Amino acid sequence: MDGGADVSLDCLGMERDLVRGHLDLMLLAVLAGGPAHGYGLVEELRRRSLGSLDLPEGTIYPALYRLERQGLIGSYWSSDTPRRRRMYRLRTAGSVALGHKRQAWQDVMTAINAVIGDVS
């Protein structure tokens, strides 16, 4: 693995492309629970993965910006804390995309499991 910021994506011993390839799905899934700021998303990914997905805050911003450009999430500035934070929320199109991405994930996992066999 080469150096640089991508080193942080080597979670669970998985290749960084595997994690990066599913980051959009994971961010949409977390945002389905309600609005969150960048660091809150990182914390929730870490919590849900029992500490296995320990991504630096800066890692998720390119994905958030991409999802926003695609119209899947929206953002706004929160002023309910002393320091303004950019909050991200799931849009209707994001909810629809989340459903499609979840189904695609299930389909891929079914196919991979059929090839590699029982992993339990």
Protein backbone atom coordinates (compact mmCIF):
# COMPACT_ATOMS: atom_id res chain seq x y z
CA MET A 1 0.00 0.00 0.00
CA ASP A 2 1.33 3.44 -0.85
CA GLY A 3 1.59 6.32 1.61
CA GLY A 4 -0.59 9.37 1.95
CA ALA A 5 -4.10 9.99 3.13
CA ASP A 6 -5.43 6.74 1.64
CA VAL A 7 -3.54 4.71 4.25
CA SER A 8 -6.41 5.42 6.65
CA LEU A 9 -8.76 3.49 4.40
CA ASP A 10 -7.00 0.21 5.15
CA CYS A 11 -9.68 -0.84 7.64
CA LEU A 12 -10.13 -4.38 8.87
CA GLY A 13 -7.19 -5.37 6.72
CA MET A 14 -9.38 -4.72 3.67
CA GLU A 15 -8.03 -3.06 0.59
CA ARG A 16 -8.72 0.65 0.61
CA ASP A 17 -10.59 0.42 -2.70
CA LEU A 18 -13.06 -1.97 -1.12
CA VAL A 19 -13.83 0.49 1.69
CA ARG A 20 -13.83 3.50 -0.63
CA GLY A 21 -16.10 1.68 -3.09
CA HIS A 22 -18.79 1.36 -0.43
CA LEU A 23 -18.33 4.63 1.43
CA ASP A 24 -21.28 6.27 -0.34
CA LEU A 25 -23.56 3.43 0.75
CA MET A 26 -22.35 3.66 4.34
CA LEU A 27 -22.72 7.46 4.48
CA LEU A 28 -26.25 7.31 3.06
CA ALA A 29 -27.14 4.60 5.58
CA VAL A 30 -25.88 6.70 8.50
CA LEU A 31 -27.68 9.81 7.22
CA ALA A 32 -30.91 7.80 7.00
CA GLY A 33 -30.90 8.06 10.80
CA GLY A 34 -30.92 11.84 10.71
CA PRO A 35 -28.72 14.85 9.95
CA ALA A 36 -25.09 14.81 11.05
CA HIS A 37 -21.92 16.84 10.69
CA GLY A 38 -18.70 15.38 9.28
CA TYR A 39 -17.15 14.35 12.58
CA GLY A 40 -20.49 12.91 13.72
CA LEU A 41 -20.56 10.73 10.61
CA VAL A 42 -17.04 9.48 11.32
CA GLU A 43 -18.01 8.69 14.91
CA GLU A 44 -21.15 6.85 13.83
CA LEU A 45 -19.26 4.78 11.25
CA ARG A 46 -16.77 3.85 13.97
CA ARG A 47 -19.55 3.03 16.45
CA ARG A 48 -21.57 0.91 14.02
CA SER A 49 -18.49 -1.00 12.89
CA LEU A 50 -17.39 -1.60 16.50
CA GLY A 51 -14.27 0.46 15.88
CA SER A 52 -13.20 -1.30 12.69
CA LEU A 53 -13.96 1.65 10.41
CA ASP A 54 -11.80 4.33 11.97
CA LEU A 55 -11.66 6.88 9.17
CA PRO A 56 -10.13 10.31 9.61
CA GLU A 57 -12.66 13.12 9.29
CA GLY A 58 -11.09 14.47 6.11
CA THR A 59 -11.54 11.15 4.33
CA ILE A 60 -15.30 11.42 4.02
CA TYR A 61 -15.58 14.98 2.69
CA PRO A 62 -14.92 14.16 -0.97
CA ALA A 63 -17.70 11.55 -0.79
CA LEU A 64 -20.06 14.01 0.93
CA TYR A 65 -19.39 16.66 -1.71
CA ARG A 66 -19.97 14.10 -4.48
CA LEU A 67 -23.24 12.92 -2.90
CA GLU A 68 -24.37 16.53 -2.57
CA ARG A 69 -23.55 17.29 -6.23
CA GLN A 70 -25.59 14.22 -7.19
CA GLY A 71 -28.56 15.60 -5.25
CA LEU A 72 -28.64 12.64 -2.84
CA ILE A 73 -27.85 14.69 0.27
CA GLY A 74 -28.22 18.32 1.23
CA SER A 75 -26.27 20.48 3.63
CA TYR A 76 -26.88 23.50 5.79
CA TRP A 77 -25.02 25.45 8.44
CA SER A 78 -26.03 24.69 12.01
CA SER A 79 -25.94 27.57 14.45
CA ASP A 80 -27.13 25.70 17.54
CA THR A 81 -23.58 25.33 18.87
CA PRO A 82 -20.96 28.00 19.59
CA ARG A 83 -19.08 26.87 16.47
CA ARG A 84 -20.99 26.67 13.20
CA ARG A 85 -21.01 23.21 11.65
CA ARG A 86 -21.99 22.08 8.20
CA MET A 87 -24.75 19.52 8.65
CA TYR A 88 -25.64 16.90 6.06
CA ARG A 89 -29.06 15.36 5.56
CA LEU A 90 -30.52 12.70 3.31
CA ARG A 91 -32.80 13.92 0.51
CA THR A 92 -35.63 11.90 -1.00
CA ALA A 93 -33.42 10.94 -3.94
CA GLY A 94 -30.83 9.77 -1.41
CA SER A 95 -33.35 7.50 0.27
CA VAL A 96 -34.21 5.96 -3.09
CA ALA A 97 -30.52 5.58 -3.95
CA LEU A 98 -29.89 3.98 -0.55
CA GLY A 99 -32.50 1.33 -1.30
CA HIS A 100 -30.90 0.58 -4.67
CA LYS A 101 -27.38 0.51 -3.22
CA ARG A 102 -28.47 -1.82 -0.41
CA GLN A 103 -29.99 -4.21 -2.94
CA ALA A 104 -26.88 -4.05 -5.12
CA TRP A 105 -24.75 -4.80 -2.02
CA GLN A 106 -26.92 -7.82 -1.20
CA ASP A 107 -26.67 -9.07 -4.79
CA VAL A 108 -22.87 -8.75 -4.83
CA MET A 109 -22.51 -10.41 -1.43
CA THR A 110 -24.75 -13.29 -2.53
CA ALA A 111 -22.65 -13.78 -5.66
CA ILE A 112 -19.34 -13.58 -3.77
CA ASN A 113 -20.55 -15.98 -1.10
CA ALA A 114 -21.63 -18.42 -3.81
CA VAL A 115 -18.07 -18.36 -5.14
CA ILE A 116 -16.08 -18.44 -1.92
CA GLY A 117 -18.41 -20.59 0.14
CA ASP A 118 -19.45 -20.37 3.76
CA VAL A 119 -17.22 -17.96 5.68
CA SER A 120 -18.56 -18.59 9.16
